[in-house]
C-alpha atoms as a PDB file:
ATOM      1  CA  UNK A   1      15.914 -13.700   0.975  1.00  0.00           C
ATOM      2  CA  UNK A   2      14.528 -12.816  -2.794  1.00  0.00           C
ATOM      3  CA  UNK A   3      14.502 -15.255  -5.498  1.00  0.00           C
ATOM      4  CA  UNK A   4      13.763 -14.970  -8.860  1.00  0.00           C
ATOM      5  CA  UNK A   5      12.911 -17.944 -11.119  1.00  0.00           C
ATOM      6  CA  UNK A   6      13.055 -17.342 -14.919  1.00  0.00           C
ATOM      7  CA  UNK A   7      12.105 -19.913 -17.542  1.00  0.00           C
ATOM      8  CA  UNK A   8      11.074 -19.964 -21.516  1.00  0.00           C
ATOM      9  CA  UNK A   9      14.302 -19.754 -23.186  1.00  0.00           C
ATOM     10  CA  UNK A  10      15.087 -21.683 -25.917  1.00  0.00           C
ATOM     11  CA  UNK A  11      16.156 -21.926 -29.483  1.00  0.00           C
ATOM     12  CA  UNK A  12      13.872 -20.367 -32.225  1.00  0.00           C
ATOM     13  CA  UNK A  13      13.856 -19.124 -35.963  1.00  0.00           C
ATOM     14  CA  UNK A  14      13.613 -16.111 -37.217  1.00  0.00           C
ATOM     15  CA  UNK A  15       9.930 -14.767 -37.032  1.00  0.00           C
ATOM     16  CA  UNK A  16       8.965 -17.323 -34.585  1.00  0.00           C
ATOM     17  CA  UNK A  17       7.522 -16.310 -30.699  1.00  0.00           C
ATOM     18  CA  UNK A  18       8.582 -16.729 -27.455  1.00  0.00           C
ATOM     19  CA  UNK A  19       7.542 -15.751 -23.993  1.00  0.00           C
ATOM     20  CA  UNK A  20       9.914 -15.278 -20.748  1.00  0.00           C
ATOM     21  CA  UNK A  21       8.267 -15.854 -17.399  1.00  0.00           C
ATOM     22  CA  UNK A  22       9.690 -14.506 -14.274  1.00  0.00           C
ATOM     23  CA  UNK A  23       8.317 -15.194 -10.599  1.00  0.00           C
ATOM     24  CA  UNK A  24       9.733 -13.484  -7.798  1.00  0.00           C
ATOM     25  CA  UNK A  25       9.535 -15.479  -4.303  1.00  0.00           C
ATOM     26  CA  UNK A  26      10.786 -14.791  -0.695  1.00  0.00           C
ATOM     27  CA  UNK A  27      10.549 -11.997   1.838  1.00  0.00           C
ATOM     28  CA  UNK A  28       8.948  -9.508  -0.065  1.00  0.00           C
ATOM     29  CA  UNK A  29       6.870  -6.603   1.150  1.00  0.00           C
ATOM     30  CA  UNK A  30       6.419  -4.666  -2.470  1.00  0.00           C
ATOM     31  CA  UNK A  31       7.833  -5.372  -5.940  1.00  0.00           C
ATOM     32  CA  UNK A  32       7.830  -1.721  -7.191  1.00  0.00           C
ATOM     33  CA  UNK A  33       9.028  -2.097 -10.989  1.00  0.00           C
ATOM     34  CA  UNK A  34       9.672  -5.353 -12.746  1.00  0.00           C
ATOM     35  CA  UNK A  35      12.321  -5.297 -16.461  1.00  0.00           C
ATOM     36  CA  UNK A  36      13.648  -7.274 -18.578  1.00  0.00           C
ATOM     37  CA  UNK A  37      17.320  -6.699 -19.606  1.00  0.00           C
ATOM     38  CA  UNK A  38      19.258  -8.554 -22.393  1.00  0.00           C
ATOM     39  CA  UNK A  39      23.022  -9.180 -23.106  1.00  0.00           C
ATOM     40  CA  UNK A  40      23.791 -10.243 -26.388  1.00  0.00           C
ATOM     41  CA  UNK A  41      27.083 -12.084 -26.943  1.00  0.00           C
ATOM     42  CA  UNK A  42      30.362  -9.678 -26.537  1.00  0.00           C
ATOM     43  CA  UNK A  43      27.850  -6.637 -25.371  1.00  0.00           C
ATOM     44  CA  UNK A  44      26.561  -4.700 -22.527  1.00  0.00           C
ATOM     45  CA  UNK A  45      23.339  -5.731 -20.693  1.00  0.00           C
ATOM     46  CA  UNK A  46      20.762  -3.050 -21.286  1.00  0.00           C
ATOM     47  CA  UNK A  47      17.040  -2.536 -20.569  1.00  0.00           C
ATOM     48  CA  UNK A  48      14.433  -4.372 -22.867  1.00  0.00           C
ATOM     49  CA  UNK A  49      11.345  -3.586 -21.371  1.00  0.00           C
ATOM     50  CA  UNK A  50       9.804  -2.493 -17.809  1.00  0.00           C
ATOM     51  CA  UNK A  51       6.551  -2.332 -16.167  1.00  0.00           C
ATOM     52  CA  UNK A  52       5.737  -0.532 -12.918  1.00  0.00           C
ATOM     53  CA  UNK A  53       2.689  -1.337 -10.487  1.00  0.00           C
ATOM     54  CA  UNK A  54       0.633   1.153 -11.821  1.00  0.00           C
ATOM     55  CA  UNK A  55       1.140  -0.588 -15.532  1.00  0.00           C
ATOM     56  CA  UNK A  56       3.095   2.030 -17.270  1.00  0.00           C
ATOM     57  CA  UNK A  57       5.629   0.481 -19.743  1.00  0.00           C
ATOM     58  CA  UNK A  58       8.762   1.434 -21.067  1.00  0.00           C
ATOM     59  CA  UNK A  59      10.385  -0.423 -23.958  1.00  0.00           C
ATOM     60  CA  UNK A  60      13.749  -0.304 -25.924  1.00  0.00           C
ATOM     61  CA  UNK A  61      13.221   1.189 -29.432  1.00  0.00           C
ATOM     62  CA  UNK A  62      14.718  -1.812 -31.184  1.00  0.00           C
ATOM     63  CA  UNK A  63      11.700  -4.081 -29.532  1.00  0.00           C
ATOM     64  CA  UNK A  64       8.971  -1.738 -29.879  1.00  0.00           C
ATOM     65  CA  UNK A  65       5.690  -3.296 -31.484  1.00  0.00           C
ATOM     66  CA  UNK A  66       7.344  -6.457 -31.177  1.00  0.00           C
ATOM     67  CA  UNK A  67       7.792  -7.033 -27.501  1.00  0.00           C
ATOM     68  CA  UNK A  68       5.053  -7.055 -25.047  1.00  0.00           C
ATOM     69  CA  UNK A  69       5.951  -6.935 -20.816  1.00  0.00           C
ATOM     70  CA  UNK A  70       3.125  -7.745 -18.341  1.00  0.00           C
ATOM     71  CA  UNK A  71       2.687  -8.587 -14.681  1.00  0.00           C
ATOM     72  CA  UNK A  72       0.206 -10.662 -12.444  1.00  0.00           C
ATOM     73  CA  UNK A  73       0.956  -8.788  -9.133  1.00  0.00           C
ATOM     74  CA  UNK A  74      -0.612 -11.046  -6.902  1.00  0.00           C
ATOM     75  CA  UNK A  75       1.877 -13.797  -8.069  1.00  0.00           C
ATOM     76  CA  UNK A  76       4.775 -10.984  -8.606  1.00  0.00           C
ATOM     77  CA  UNK A  77       5.274 -12.723 -12.091  1.00  0.00           C
ATOM     78  CA  UNK A  78       6.458 -10.498 -15.265  1.00  0.00           C
ATOM     79  CA  UNK A  79       6.431 -11.945 -18.724  1.00  0.00           C
ATOM     80  CA  UNK A  80       7.781 -11.075 -21.863  1.00  0.00           C
ATOM     81  CA  UNK A  81       6.112 -11.824 -24.924  1.00  0.00           C
ATOM     82  CA  UNK A  82       8.470 -11.996 -27.773  1.00  0.00           C
ATOM     83  CA  UNK A  83       7.166 -11.614 -31.469  1.00  0.00           C
ATOM     84  CA  UNK A  84       8.644 -11.818 -34.946  1.00  0.00           C
ATOM     85  CA  UNK A  85      12.171 -12.581 -33.376  1.00  0.00           C
ATOM     86  CA  UNK A  86      15.692 -11.544 -35.023  1.00  0.00           C
ATOM     87  CA  UNK A  87      18.920 -12.940 -34.752  1.00  0.00           C
ATOM     88  CA  UNK A  88      20.105  -9.895 -33.627  1.00  0.00           C
ATOM     89  CA  UNK A  89      17.816 -10.652 -30.372  1.00  0.00           C
ATOM     90  CA  UNK A  90      19.795 -13.562 -29.402  1.00  0.00           C
ATOM     91  CA  UNK A  91      21.123 -12.766 -25.921  1.00  0.00           C
ATOM     92  CA  UNK A  92      21.085 -13.720 -22.201  1.00  0.00           C
ATOM     93  CA  UNK A  93      17.876 -12.429 -20.944  1.00  0.00           C
ATOM     94  CA  UNK A  94      17.695 -11.271 -17.402  1.00  0.00           C
ATOM     95  CA  UNK A  95      14.738 -10.691 -15.245  1.00  0.00           C
ATOM     96  CA  UNK A  96      15.182  -7.731 -12.658  1.00  0.00           C
ATOM     97  CA  UNK A  97      13.157  -6.338  -9.642  1.00  0.00           C
ATOM     98  CA  UNK A  98      13.123  -2.809  -7.497  1.00  0.00           C
ATOM     99  CA  UNK A  99      11.713  -4.561  -4.486  1.00  0.00           C
ATOM    100  CA  UNK A 100      11.434  -3.700  -0.576  1.00  0.00           C
ATOM    101  CA  UNK A 101      11.906  -6.843   1.639  1.00  0.00           C
ATOM    102  CA  UNK A 102       9.954  -4.922   4.706  1.00  0.00           C
ATOM    103  CA  UNK A 103       8.583  -1.485   5.396  1.00  0.00           C
ATOM    104  CA  UNK A 104      11.296  -0.616   7.300  1.00  0.00           C
ATOM    105  CA  UNK A 105      13.696  -1.262   4.218  1.00  0.00           C
ATOM    106  CA  UNK A 106      14.401   0.823   0.969  1.00  0.00           C
ATOM    107  CA  UNK A 107      13.982  -0.687  -2.239  1.00  0.00           C
ATOM    108  CA  UNK A 108      16.921  -2.593  -3.734  1.00  0.00           C
ATOM    109  CA  UNK A 109      17.057  -4.462  -7.357  1.00  0.00           C
ATOM    110  CA  UNK A 110      17.178  -8.111  -7.626  1.00  0.00           C
ATOM    111  CA  UNK A 111      18.260  -9.981 -10.560  1.00  0.00           C
ATOM    112  CA  UNK A 112      17.568 -13.445 -12.040  1.00  0.00           C
ATOM    113  CA  UNK A 113      20.226 -16.189 -13.083  1.00  0.00           C
ATOM    114  CA  UNK A 114      19.287 -15.148 -16.848  1.00  0.00           C
ATOM    115  CA  UNK A 115      17.492 -17.638 -19.256  1.00  0.00           C
ATOM    116  CA  UNK A 116      19.102 -17.631 -23.262  1.00  0.00           C
ATOM    117  CA  UNK A 117      17.314 -16.698 -26.171  1.00  0.00           C
ATOM    118  CA  UNK A 118      18.826 -17.950 -29.239  1.00  0.00           C
ATOM    119  CA  UNK A 119      17.118 -16.766 -33.166  1.00  0.00           C
ATOM    120  CA  UNK A 120      18.735 -18.710 -35.685  1.00  0.00           C
ATOM    121  CA  UNK A 121      17.782 -20.520 -38.862  1.00  0.00           C
END
């Protein structure tokens, strides 16, 4: 059993900042990639940022220069620092990890339940 707990969502005004957190727990052997996705109202779920175990990162073009993903490997926790927020950033943000539950099992994706971020004046 793998569980992801997200926090940090809320209502902010344009230009303000917010930081999301995601902690993975349970029977985890190894976490490979930790990612943040978002799903705006009426739209599909898309990748926002990802970070591998070696520290390599990847960002959607729409958030480059504004968002920063980081991780604490010892705690299996991922963070998403969101600065200069815009109304178009409004979405449900989901944490995702690619992880192995044991040495005898293959890596699989796991999802958090999501946290709502609303950017509005």
